[in-house]
């Protein structure tokens, strides 16, 4: 939030144990929640959710712990699929099931395609 010419820290999201490499906001037009994804040197992707109606703080959920550092996360334009890429040369796509569980729907290994 901006106050005059200064930014004010509203909340710190702390769950990673090493450097955070990327953060991506999920599109949430018309939804009563905000969601973002963060990835780190600790090989984890964490999903952060905040209920905008009830307020409160951001809730972390570990999407997955990978075998190598994760460099990038990116949401689809509809905000229901998350792309994850890391040091193992793989791109994985994750989608939330109707039950709220995140499942890997695609696993592309660039090193095997050459």
C-alpha atoms as a PDB file:
ATOM      1  CA  UNK A   1       0.000   0.000   0.000  1.00  0.00           C
ATOM      2  CA  UNK A   2       1.232   3.453  -0.773  1.00  0.00           C
ATOM      3  CA  UNK A   3       1.131   6.189   1.847  1.00  0.00           C
ATOM      4  CA  UNK A   4       2.058   9.537   0.281  1.00  0.00           C
ATOM      5  CA  UNK A   5       5.337   8.743  -1.463  1.00  0.00           C
ATOM      6  CA  UNK A   6       6.228   5.695   0.644  1.00  0.00           C
ATOM      7  CA  UNK A   7       5.254   2.055   0.432  1.00  0.00           C
ATOM      8  CA  UNK A   8       4.041   0.405   3.630  1.00  0.00           C
ATOM      9  CA  UNK A   9       4.606  -3.300   4.322  1.00  0.00           C
ATOM     10  CA  UNK A  10       1.210  -4.770   5.193  1.00  0.00           C
ATOM     11  CA  UNK A  11       2.311  -8.346   5.779  1.00  0.00           C
ATOM     12  CA  UNK A  12       5.390 -10.571   5.439  1.00  0.00           C
ATOM     13  CA  UNK A  13       4.883 -14.002   3.944  1.00  0.00           C
ATOM     14  CA  UNK A  14       7.447 -16.254   5.553  1.00  0.00           C
ATOM     15  CA  UNK A  15       7.514 -19.990   4.905  1.00  0.00           C
ATOM     16  CA  UNK A  16      10.500 -20.646   2.623  1.00  0.00           C
ATOM     17  CA  UNK A  17      13.843 -21.643   4.132  1.00  0.00           C
ATOM     18  CA  UNK A  18      16.053 -20.263   1.339  1.00  0.00           C
ATOM     19  CA  UNK A  19      16.058 -17.493  -1.274  1.00  0.00           C
ATOM     20  CA  UNK A  20      12.737 -16.837  -2.993  1.00  0.00           C
ATOM     21  CA  UNK A  21      13.279 -16.850  -6.765  1.00  0.00           C
ATOM     22  CA  UNK A  22       9.834 -15.906  -8.133  1.00  0.00           C
ATOM     23  CA  UNK A  23       6.358 -14.837  -7.041  1.00  0.00           C
ATOM     24  CA  UNK A  24       3.241 -14.795  -9.242  1.00  0.00           C
ATOM     25  CA  UNK A  25      -0.262 -13.478  -8.518  1.00  0.00           C
ATOM     26  CA  UNK A  26      -3.146 -15.602  -9.778  1.00  0.00           C
ATOM     27  CA  UNK A  27      -5.844 -13.750 -11.722  1.00  0.00           C
ATOM     28  CA  UNK A  28      -8.906 -13.608  -9.482  1.00  0.00           C
ATOM     29  CA  UNK A  29     -11.471 -11.428 -11.221  1.00  0.00           C
ATOM     30  CA  UNK A  30     -14.764 -11.854  -9.407  1.00  0.00           C
ATOM     31  CA  UNK A  31     -13.431 -14.408  -6.921  1.00  0.00           C
ATOM     32  CA  UNK A  32     -13.700 -13.810  -3.156  1.00  0.00           C
ATOM     33  CA  UNK A  33     -10.059 -14.795  -2.593  1.00  0.00           C
ATOM     34  CA  UNK A  34      -6.563 -13.805  -3.603  1.00  0.00           C
ATOM     35  CA  UNK A  35      -3.896 -16.375  -4.387  1.00  0.00           C
ATOM     36  CA  UNK A  36      -0.229 -16.224  -5.216  1.00  0.00           C
ATOM     37  CA  UNK A  37       2.541 -18.738  -5.742  1.00  0.00           C
ATOM     38  CA  UNK A  38       6.155 -18.462  -4.627  1.00  0.00           C
ATOM     39  CA  UNK A  39       9.143 -20.647  -5.438  1.00  0.00           C
ATOM     40  CA  UNK A  40      12.524 -20.914  -3.828  1.00  0.00           C
ATOM     41  CA  UNK A  41      16.022 -22.342  -3.607  1.00  0.00           C
ATOM     42  CA  UNK A  42      14.530 -24.666  -0.957  1.00  0.00           C
ATOM     43  CA  UNK A  43      12.964 -26.666  -3.853  1.00  0.00           C
ATOM     44  CA  UNK A  44       9.406 -25.819  -2.761  1.00  0.00           C
ATOM     45  CA  UNK A  45       6.469 -24.091  -4.378  1.00  0.00           C
ATOM     46  CA  UNK A  46       4.129 -22.534  -1.851  1.00  0.00           C
ATOM     47  CA  UNK A  47       0.592 -21.397  -2.614  1.00  0.00           C
ATOM     48  CA  UNK A  48      -0.639 -18.492  -0.517  1.00  0.00           C
ATOM     49  CA  UNK A  49      -4.379 -17.847  -0.178  1.00  0.00           C
ATOM     50  CA  UNK A  50      -6.273 -15.010   1.450  1.00  0.00           C
ATOM     51  CA  UNK A  51     -10.041 -14.860   1.871  1.00  0.00           C
ATOM     52  CA  UNK A  52     -10.933 -11.299   0.896  1.00  0.00           C
ATOM     53  CA  UNK A  53     -14.440 -11.482   2.365  1.00  0.00           C
ATOM     54  CA  UNK A  54     -13.453 -12.763   5.815  1.00  0.00           C
ATOM     55  CA  UNK A  55     -10.171 -10.859   5.836  1.00  0.00           C
ATOM     56  CA  UNK A  56      -7.437 -12.411   7.908  1.00  0.00           C
ATOM     57  CA  UNK A  57      -3.915 -13.288   6.891  1.00  0.00           C
ATOM     58  CA  UNK A  58      -2.344 -15.245   4.058  1.00  0.00           C
ATOM     59  CA  UNK A  59      -2.429 -19.037   4.481  1.00  0.00           C
ATOM     60  CA  UNK A  60       0.525 -21.025   3.049  1.00  0.00           C
ATOM     61  CA  UNK A  61       0.191 -24.473   1.479  1.00  0.00           C
ATOM     62  CA  UNK A  62       3.173 -26.375   0.059  1.00  0.00           C
ATOM     63  CA  UNK A  63       2.218 -27.384  -3.476  1.00  0.00           C
ATOM     64  CA  UNK A  64       5.158 -29.752  -3.871  1.00  0.00           C
ATOM     65  CA  UNK A  65       8.780 -30.254  -2.850  1.00  0.00           C
ATOM     66  CA  UNK A  66      10.849 -30.784  -5.993  1.00  0.00           C
ATOM     67  CA  UNK A  67      14.246 -32.471  -6.486  1.00  0.00           C
ATOM     68  CA  UNK A  68      15.990 -29.267  -7.594  1.00  0.00           C
ATOM     69  CA  UNK A  69      15.785 -25.503  -7.164  1.00  0.00           C
ATOM     70  CA  UNK A  70      12.632 -23.929  -8.613  1.00  0.00           C
ATOM     71  CA  UNK A  71      13.195 -20.772 -10.658  1.00  0.00           C
ATOM     72  CA  UNK A  72       9.804 -19.661 -12.015  1.00  0.00           C
ATOM     73  CA  UNK A  73       6.074 -19.906 -11.408  1.00  0.00           C
ATOM     74  CA  UNK A  74       3.412 -18.574 -13.759  1.00  0.00           C
ATOM     75  CA  UNK A  75      -0.407 -18.708 -13.686  1.00  0.00           C
ATOM     76  CA  UNK A  76      -2.660 -19.299 -16.672  1.00  0.00           C
ATOM     77  CA  UNK A  77      -4.838 -16.362 -17.667  1.00  0.00           C
ATOM     78  CA  UNK A  78      -7.799 -17.972 -15.888  1.00  0.00           C
ATOM     79  CA  UNK A  79      -5.778 -18.577 -12.719  1.00  0.00           C
ATOM     80  CA  UNK A  80      -6.554 -22.288 -12.473  1.00  0.00           C
ATOM     81  CA  UNK A  81      -3.317 -23.774 -13.839  1.00  0.00           C
ATOM     82  CA  UNK A  82       0.152 -23.083 -12.451  1.00  0.00           C
ATOM     83  CA  UNK A  83       3.318 -23.662 -14.509  1.00  0.00           C
ATOM     84  CA  UNK A  84       6.479 -24.461 -12.530  1.00  0.00           C
ATOM     85  CA  UNK A  85      10.033 -24.638 -13.912  1.00  0.00           C
ATOM     86  CA  UNK A  86      13.312 -25.339 -12.208  1.00  0.00           C
ATOM     87  CA  UNK A  87      16.910 -26.441 -12.312  1.00  0.00           C
ATOM     88  CA  UNK A  88      16.016 -29.976 -13.424  1.00  0.00           C
ATOM     89  CA  UNK A  89      14.964 -28.658 -16.890  1.00  0.00           C
ATOM     90  CA  UNK A  90      11.354 -29.714 -16.306  1.00  0.00           C
ATOM     91  CA  UNK A  91       8.151 -27.742 -16.654  1.00  0.00           C
ATOM     92  CA  UNK A  92       5.214 -29.076 -14.689  1.00  0.00           C
ATOM     93  CA  UNK A  93       1.610 -27.909 -14.892  1.00  0.00           C
ATOM     94  CA  UNK A  94      -0.574 -28.065 -11.774  1.00  0.00           C
ATOM     95  CA  UNK A  95      -4.364 -27.825 -11.538  1.00  0.00           C
ATOM     96  CA  UNK A  96      -6.655 -27.726  -8.531  1.00  0.00           C
ATOM     97  CA  UNK A  97      -9.190 -30.567  -8.347  1.00  0.00           C
ATOM     98  CA  UNK A  98     -12.825 -29.908  -7.348  1.00  0.00           C
ATOM     99  CA  UNK A  99     -11.874 -31.259  -3.895  1.00  0.00           C
ATOM    100  CA  UNK A 100      -9.198 -28.562  -3.532  1.00  0.00           C
ATOM    101  CA  UNK A 101      -6.190 -30.857  -4.042  1.00  0.00           C
ATOM    102  CA  UNK A 102      -3.483 -29.747  -6.477  1.00  0.00           C
ATOM    103  CA  UNK A 103      -2.439 -32.388  -9.019  1.00  0.00           C
ATOM    104  CA  UNK A 104       0.269 -32.431 -11.669  1.00  0.00           C
ATOM    105  CA  UNK A 105      -1.456 -32.604 -15.055  1.00  0.00           C
ATOM    106  CA  UNK A 106       1.660 -32.348 -17.245  1.00  0.00           C
ATOM    107  CA  UNK A 107       5.358 -33.049 -16.756  1.00  0.00           C
ATOM    108  CA  UNK A 108       7.652 -31.938 -19.584  1.00  0.00           C
ATOM    109  CA  UNK A 109      11.365 -32.791 -19.411  1.00  0.00           C
ATOM    110  CA  UNK A 110      13.229 -30.538 -21.853  1.00  0.00           C
ATOM    111  CA  UNK A 111      16.487 -32.504 -21.522  1.00  0.00           C
ATOM    112  CA  UNK A 112      14.842 -35.665 -22.916  1.00  0.00           C
ATOM    113  CA  UNK A 113      13.456 -33.877 -25.995  1.00  0.00           C
ATOM    114  CA  UNK A 114      16.868 -33.091 -27.478  1.00  0.00           C
END
